[in-house]
C-alpha atoms as a PDB file:
ATOM      1  CA  MET A   1     119.874  79.063 112.065  1.00  0.00           C
ATOM      2  CA  LYS A   2     121.060  82.785 111.717  1.00  0.00           C
ATOM      3  CA  PRO A   3     118.866  85.240 113.153  1.00  0.00           C
ATOM      4  CA  GLY A   4     116.957  87.277 111.017  1.00  0.00           C
ATOM      5  CA  ILE A   5     114.765  89.267 113.893  1.00  0.00           C
ATOM      6  CA  ILE A   6     116.478  90.458 116.803  1.00  0.00           C
ATOM      7  CA  THR A   7     115.362  92.214 120.091  1.00  0.00           C
ATOM      8  CA  LEU A   8     117.826  94.836 121.150  1.00  0.00           C
ATOM      9  CA  ALA A   9     117.489  96.491 124.566  1.00  0.00           C
ATOM     10  CA  MET A  10     119.129  99.191 126.421  1.00  0.00           C
ATOM     11  CA  THR A  11     119.280  99.789 130.213  1.00  0.00           C
ATOM     12  CA  GLY A  12     120.740 102.097 132.612  1.00  0.00           C
ATOM     13  CA  ALA A  13     124.286 100.478 132.403  1.00  0.00           C
ATOM     14  CA  SER A  14     127.261 102.144 130.953  1.00  0.00           C
ATOM     15  CA  GLY A  15     128.208 100.744 127.724  1.00  0.00           C
ATOM     16  CA  ALA A  16     126.315 102.575 125.032  1.00  0.00           C
ATOM     17  CA  GLU A  17     129.097 101.801 122.443  1.00  0.00           C
ATOM     18  CA  TYR A  18     128.791  98.558 122.429  1.00  0.00           C
ATOM     19  CA  MET A  19     125.206  98.472 121.675  1.00  0.00           C
ATOM     20  CA  LEU A  20     125.358 101.173 118.869  1.00  0.00           C
ATOM     21  CA  ARG A  21     128.446  99.251 117.245  1.00  0.00           C
ATOM     22  CA  LEU A  22     125.849  95.526 117.658  1.00  0.00           C
ATOM     23  CA  PHE A  23     123.623  97.781 116.322  1.00  0.00           C
ATOM     24  CA  GLU A  24     125.255  99.071 113.351  1.00  0.00           C
ATOM     25  CA  CYS A  25     126.594  95.141 112.552  1.00  0.00           C
ATOM     26  CA  CYS A  26     122.784  93.822 112.534  1.00  0.00           C
ATOM     27  CA  LEU A  27     121.784  96.132 110.264  1.00  0.00           C
ATOM     28  CA  ARG A  28     124.901  96.185 108.320  1.00  0.00           C
ATOM     29  CA  ARG A  29     123.605  92.534 107.437  1.00  0.00           C
ATOM     30  CA  ASN A  30     120.127  92.824 107.013  1.00  0.00           C
ATOM     31  CA  VAL A  31     118.833  91.632 110.250  1.00  0.00           C
ATOM     32  CA  GLN A  32     115.792  93.399 111.472  1.00  0.00           C
ATOM     33  CA  VAL A  33     115.955  95.021 115.112  1.00  0.00           C
ATOM     34  CA  GLN A  34     113.415  95.598 117.269  1.00  0.00           C
ATOM     35  CA  PHE A  35     114.758  98.128 119.682  1.00  0.00           C
ATOM     36  CA  ILE A  36     113.378  99.219 123.611  1.00  0.00           C
ATOM     37  CA  THR A  37     115.354 101.105 125.882  1.00  0.00           C
ATOM     38  CA  SER A  38     114.846 102.361 129.179  1.00  0.00           C
ATOM     39  CA  GLN A  39     114.559 105.561 130.692  1.00  0.00           C
ATOM     40  CA  PRO A  40     117.858 104.950 132.214  1.00  0.00           C
ATOM     41  CA  GLY A  41     119.443 103.643 129.495  1.00  0.00           C
ATOM     42  CA  GLN A  42     118.702 106.597 127.173  1.00  0.00           C
ATOM     43  CA  ILE A  43     119.691 108.829 129.594  1.00  0.00           C
ATOM     44  CA  VAL A  44     123.169 107.073 129.410  1.00  0.00           C
ATOM     45  CA  LEU A  45     123.524 107.020 125.633  1.00  0.00           C
ATOM     46  CA  GLY A  46     122.686 110.605 125.646  1.00  0.00           C
ATOM     47  CA  MET A  47     125.902 110.904 128.092  1.00  0.00           C
ATOM     48  CA  GLU A  48     128.465 108.428 126.495  1.00  0.00           C
ATOM     49  CA  THR A  49     127.565 109.377 122.641  1.00  0.00           C
ATOM     50  CA  GLU A  50     126.187 111.975 120.452  1.00  0.00           C
ATOM     51  CA  LEU A  51     123.364 110.224 119.569  1.00  0.00           C
ATOM     52  CA  LYS A  52     120.056 112.066 121.764  1.00  0.00           C
ATOM     53  CA  LEU A  53     116.907 109.970 121.188  1.00  0.00           C
ATOM     54  CA  SER A  54     113.588 110.957 121.054  1.00  0.00           C
ATOM     55  CA  GLY A  55     111.004 110.389 123.310  1.00  0.00           C
ATOM     56  CA  SER A  56     108.765 109.145 120.774  1.00  0.00           C
ATOM     57  CA  PRO A  57     109.399 105.734 119.287  1.00  0.00           C
ATOM     58  CA  GLN A  58     108.812 106.805 115.636  1.00  0.00           C
ATOM     59  CA  LYS A  59     111.214 109.236 115.877  1.00  0.00           C
ATOM     60  CA  MET A  60     113.534 107.190 117.204  1.00  0.00           C
ATOM     61  CA  ARG A  61     113.409 104.469 114.430  1.00  0.00           C
ATOM     62  CA  GLN A  62     114.310 107.549 111.898  1.00  0.00           C
ATOM     63  CA  GLN A  63     117.194 108.869 113.956  1.00  0.00           C
ATOM     64  CA  PHE A  64     118.477 105.121 113.700  1.00  0.00           C
ATOM     65  CA  ALA A  65     118.054 105.222 110.451  1.00  0.00           C
ATOM     66  CA  ASP A  66     119.841 107.975 109.755  1.00  0.00           C
ATOM     67  CA  TYR A  67     122.819 107.408 112.316  1.00  0.00           C
ATOM     68  CA  PHE A  68     123.311 104.298 110.622  1.00  0.00           C
ATOM     69  CA  ASP A  69     122.510 105.129 106.839  1.00  0.00           C
ATOM     70  CA  ALA A  70     119.962 102.208 107.346  1.00  0.00           C
ATOM     71  CA  ASP A  71     116.790 100.906 105.667  1.00  0.00           C
ATOM     72  CA  PRO A  72     114.287 102.303 107.945  1.00  0.00           C
ATOM     73  CA  ALA A  73     111.778  99.088 107.205  1.00  0.00           C
ATOM     74  CA  LEU A  74     114.735  96.620 109.422  1.00  0.00           C
ATOM     75  CA  ILE A  75     113.787  98.932 112.499  1.00  0.00           C
ATOM     76  CA  SER A  76     111.240  98.730 114.892  1.00  0.00           C
ATOM     77  CA  VAL A  77     111.341 100.929 118.425  1.00  0.00           C
ATOM     78  CA  TYR A  78     109.254 100.144 121.324  1.00  0.00           C
ATOM     79  CA  SER A  79     108.452 102.091 124.333  1.00  0.00           C
ATOM     80  CA  LYS A  80     109.484  99.962 127.834  1.00  0.00           C
ATOM     81  CA  ASP A  81     105.776 100.333 128.329  1.00  0.00           C
ATOM     82  CA  GLN A  82     104.000  99.033 124.907  1.00  0.00           C
ATOM     83  CA  TRP A  83     102.663  95.771 126.088  1.00  0.00           C
ATOM     84  CA  THR A  84     100.893  95.130 122.751  1.00  0.00           C
ATOM     85  CA  ALA A  85     104.402  95.408 121.079  1.00  0.00           C
ATOM     86  CA  PRO A  86     105.549  91.789 119.765  1.00  0.00           C
ATOM     87  CA  PRO A  87     108.306  91.322 121.619  1.00  0.00           C
ATOM     88  CA  ALA A  88     105.798  91.110 124.510  1.00  0.00           C
ATOM     89  CA  SER A  89     104.488  87.566 123.079  1.00  0.00           C
ATOM     90  CA  GLY A  90     105.658  84.338 122.915  1.00  0.00           C
ATOM     91  CA  SER A  91     103.474  84.121 119.159  1.00  0.00           C
ATOM     92  CA  SER A  92     105.808  86.500 117.593  1.00  0.00           C
ATOM     93  CA  VAL A  93     108.751  86.506 119.241  1.00  0.00           C
ATOM     94  CA  ALA A  94     112.149  87.266 117.457  1.00  0.00           C
ATOM     95  CA  ASP A  95     114.730  84.673 116.774  1.00  0.00           C
ATOM     96  CA  ALA A  96     117.351  86.140 119.452  1.00  0.00           C
ATOM     97  CA  MET A  97     117.609  89.208 122.119  1.00  0.00           C
ATOM     98  CA  VAL A  98     120.496  90.553 123.416  1.00  0.00           C
ATOM     99  CA  VAL A  99     120.731  93.289 126.899  1.00  0.00           C
ATOM    100  CA  CYS A 100     123.138  95.716 126.046  1.00  0.00           C
ATOM    101  CA  PRO A 101     124.539  97.221 128.512  1.00  0.00           C
ATOM    102  CA  CYS A 102     122.142  95.065 131.358  1.00  0.00           C
ATOM    103  CA  SER A 103     122.365  96.823 134.445  1.00  0.00           C
ATOM    104  CA  MET A 104     122.238  94.890 137.442  1.00  0.00           C
ATOM    105  CA  GLY A 105     118.257  95.916 138.378  1.00  0.00           C
ATOM    106  CA  SER A 106     117.130  94.991 134.922  1.00  0.00           C
ATOM    107  CA  LEU A 107     119.326  91.327 135.542  1.00  0.00           C
ATOM    108  CA  ALA A 108     117.690  90.732 138.625  1.00  0.00           C
ATOM    109  CA  SER A 109     114.468  91.377 137.318  1.00  0.00           C
ATOM    110  CA  ILE A 110     114.918  88.935 134.350  1.00  0.00           C
ATOM    111  CA  ALA A 111     116.156  86.248 136.519  1.00  0.00           C
ATOM    112  CA  VAL A 112     112.909  86.501 138.910  1.00  0.00           C
ATOM    113  CA  GLY A 113     110.859  86.781 135.768  1.00  0.00           C
ATOM    114  CA  SER A 114     109.017  90.029 137.302  1.00  0.00           C
ATOM    115  CA  SER A 115     108.027  91.555 133.549  1.00  0.00           C
ATOM    116  CA  ASP A 116     107.294  94.790 134.733  1.00  0.00           C
ATOM    117  CA  ASN A 117     108.269  96.274 131.352  1.00  0.00           C
ATOM    118  CA  LEU A 118     108.468  95.398 128.051  1.00  0.00           C
ATOM    119  CA  ILE A 119     112.503  94.389 128.516  1.00  0.00           C
ATOM    120  CA  HIS A 120     111.823  92.291 130.682  1.00  0.00           C
ATOM    121  CA  ARG A 121     108.792  90.607 129.576  1.00  0.00           C
ATOM    122  CA  ALA A 122     110.524  90.089 125.995  1.00  0.00           C
ATOM    123  CA  ALA A 123     113.299  88.572 128.075  1.00  0.00           C
ATOM    124  CA  ASP A 124     111.095  86.577 130.221  1.00  0.00           C
ATOM    125  CA  VAL A 125     109.775  84.962 126.320  1.00  0.00           C
ATOM    126  CA  ALA A 126     112.832  84.773 124.827  1.00  0.00           C
ATOM    127  CA  ILE A 127     113.969  82.514 128.161  1.00  0.00           C
ATOM    128  CA  LYS A 128     110.445  80.150 127.962  1.00  0.00           C
ATOM    129  CA  GLU A 129     110.458  79.943 124.307  1.00  0.00           C
ATOM    130  CA  ARG A 130     113.928  78.934 124.107  1.00  0.00           C
ATOM    131  CA  LYS A 131     115.367  81.520 122.212  1.00  0.00           C
ATOM    132  CA  THR A 132     118.676  82.736 122.451  1.00  0.00           C
ATOM    133  CA  LEU A 133     118.816  85.262 125.115  1.00  0.00           C
ATOM    134  CA  ILE A 134     122.405  87.304 125.453  1.00  0.00           C
ATOM    135  CA  LEU A 135     123.223  89.570 129.048  1.00  0.00           C
ATOM    136  CA  VAL A 136     126.061  91.823 128.659  1.00  0.00           C
ATOM    137  CA  PRO A 137     126.411  93.132 132.583  1.00  0.00           C
ATOM    138  CA  ARG A 138     128.564  96.003 132.738  1.00  0.00           C
ATOM    139  CA  GLU A 139     129.050  96.601 137.039  1.00  0.00           C
ATOM    140  CA  THR A 140     132.137  96.016 138.721  1.00  0.00           C
ATOM    141  CA  PRO A 141     132.942  94.382 141.062  1.00  0.00           C
ATOM    142  CA  PHE A 142     129.753  91.557 141.681  1.00  0.00           C
ATOM    143  CA  SER A 143     128.366  91.195 144.160  1.00  0.00           C
ATOM    144  CA  SER A 144     127.255  87.783 145.428  1.00  0.00           C
ATOM    145  CA  ILE A 145     123.975  88.895 144.704  1.00  0.00           C
ATOM    146  CA  HIS A 146     125.266  89.810 141.145  1.00  0.00           C
ATOM    147  CA  LEU A 147     126.466  86.485 140.416  1.00  0.00           C
ATOM    148  CA  GLU A 148     124.076  84.164 142.172  1.00  0.00           C
ATOM    149  CA  ASN A 149     120.948  86.256 139.752  1.00  0.00           C
ATOM    150  CA  MET A 150     123.915  85.389 136.605  1.00  0.00           C
ATOM    151  CA  LEU A 151     123.741  81.790 137.782  1.00  0.00           C
ATOM    152  CA  ARG A 152     120.290  81.321 137.894  1.00  0.00           C
ATOM    153  CA  LEU A 153     119.911  82.593 134.512  1.00  0.00           C
ATOM    154  CA  SER A 154     123.167  80.538 133.042  1.00  0.00           C
ATOM    155  CA  ARG A 155     121.311  77.203 134.470  1.00  0.00           C
ATOM    156  CA  LEU A 156     118.321  78.402 132.177  1.00  0.00           C
ATOM    157  CA  GLY A 157     120.259  78.737 129.267  1.00  0.00           C
ATOM    158  CA  VAL A 158     120.596  82.586 128.953  1.00  0.00           C
ATOM    159  CA  VAL A 159     124.531  83.729 127.658  1.00  0.00           C
ATOM    160  CA  ILE A 160     126.316  85.861 130.190  1.00  0.00           C
ATOM    161  CA  LEU A 161     128.903  87.836 128.366  1.00  0.00           C
ATOM    162  CA  PRO A 162     130.169  90.733 130.662  1.00  0.00           C
ATOM    163  CA  PRO A 163     132.208  93.366 128.108  1.00  0.00           C
ATOM    164  CA  ASN A 164     135.510  92.240 129.367  1.00  0.00           C
ATOM    165  CA  PRO A 165     137.749  92.938 126.254  1.00  0.00           C
ATOM    166  CA  GLY A 166     141.091  91.246 125.232  1.00  0.00           C
ATOM    167  CA  PHE A 167     144.332  92.920 124.308  1.00  0.00           C
ATOM    168  CA  TYR A 168     146.046  89.963 123.008  1.00  0.00           C
ATOM    169  CA  HIS A 169     145.229  90.805 119.530  1.00  0.00           C
ATOM    170  CA  GLY A 170     147.290  94.469 120.004  1.00  0.00           C
ATOM    171  CA  VAL A 171     144.917  97.071 120.961  1.00  0.00           C
ATOM    172  CA  ASN A 172     145.273 100.912 119.719  1.00  0.00           C
ATOM    173  CA  GLN A 173     142.396 102.601 119.817  1.00  0.00           C
ATOM    174  CA  VAL A 174     138.989 102.159 122.144  1.00  0.00           C
ATOM    175  CA  SER A 175     136.920 100.996 119.138  1.00  0.00           C
ATOM    176  CA  GLU A 176     139.022  97.859 119.086  1.00  0.00           C
ATOM    177  CA  LEU A 177     137.656  96.987 122.549  1.00  0.00           C
ATOM    178  CA  VAL A 178     134.261  97.649 121.276  1.00  0.00           C
ATOM    179  CA  ASP A 179     134.418  95.732 118.629  1.00  0.00           C
ATOM    180  CA  PHE A 180     136.102  92.916 120.603  1.00  0.00           C
ATOM    181  CA  ILE A 181     133.198  92.377 122.692  1.00  0.00           C
ATOM    182  CA  VAL A 182     130.290  92.890 119.737  1.00  0.00           C
ATOM    183  CA  ALA A 183     132.449  90.260 117.928  1.00  0.00           C
ATOM    184  CA  ARG A 184     131.601  87.992 120.536  1.00  0.00           C
ATOM    185  CA  ILE A 185     127.900  88.624 120.821  1.00  0.00           C
ATOM    186  CA  LEU A 186     127.790  88.160 117.123  1.00  0.00           C
ATOM    187  CA  ASP A 187     129.209  84.689 117.626  1.00  0.00           C
ATOM    188  CA  GLN A 188     126.930  83.712 119.659  1.00  0.00           C
ATOM    189  CA  LEU A 189     124.037  85.239 117.627  1.00  0.00           C
ATOM    190  CA  ASP A 190     125.863  83.044 114.845  1.00  0.00           C
ATOM    191  CA  ILE A 191     126.285  86.269 112.634  1.00  0.00           C
ATOM    192  CA  ASP A 192     129.022  86.167 110.516  1.00  0.00           C
ATOM    193  CA  ASN A 193     131.911  89.231 110.785  1.00  0.00           C
ATOM    194  CA  ASP A 194     135.335  89.837 110.909  1.00  0.00           C
ATOM    195  CA  LEU A 195     135.472  92.752 113.456  1.00  0.00           C
ATOM    196  CA  SER A 196     138.319  91.085 115.611  1.00  0.00           C
ATOM    197  CA  PRO A 197     141.516  89.175 114.864  1.00  0.00           C
ATOM    198  CA  ARG A 198     140.424  85.424 115.296  1.00  0.00           C
ATOM    199  CA  TRP A 199     143.400  83.980 118.663  1.00  0.00           C
ATOM    200  CA  GLY A 200     145.893  81.597 116.124  1.00  0.00           C
ATOM    201  CA  ARG A 201     144.626  83.294 112.775  1.00  0.00           C
END
């Protein structure tokens, strides 16, 4: 079933362009996005892109609507400490959740179910409600601790999708590498896309 609502979280790992492109593609397909970012994630976004987010969720919502030229009704923004937000409850859980990019600290917290902020809690809810959860870990090299945490989550049905782009389709610019990864995420979400050439087509 194609998602009508996804929770999109950004943590303090490099890879803001992946998140923005995924956000844009979801909005273009009329998928509602519930956005959550940690403070490190907001800092990384400001370092890696031209988008400098306000500290207010209400202002962030309008910033995203303006940035993507999208209907604000498709966008919700929640603070990482907003425990009454819909993503924190199994009774109103989104159809899927993506943490992109996902820091190793966030991945570890999700793996042990610590739920010490809304991002971790929303991921915990997605797991317990058997919803699609996709983590995009941007770290290299992976330590044994990282790999063990990923294996633990994978055994729970979580999709571990490191941003490792392919080059077989011919690459002329960075945006094509971003689209390659975002296309893989959209495939996992069952959202139609033509961002990247398909093998053999």
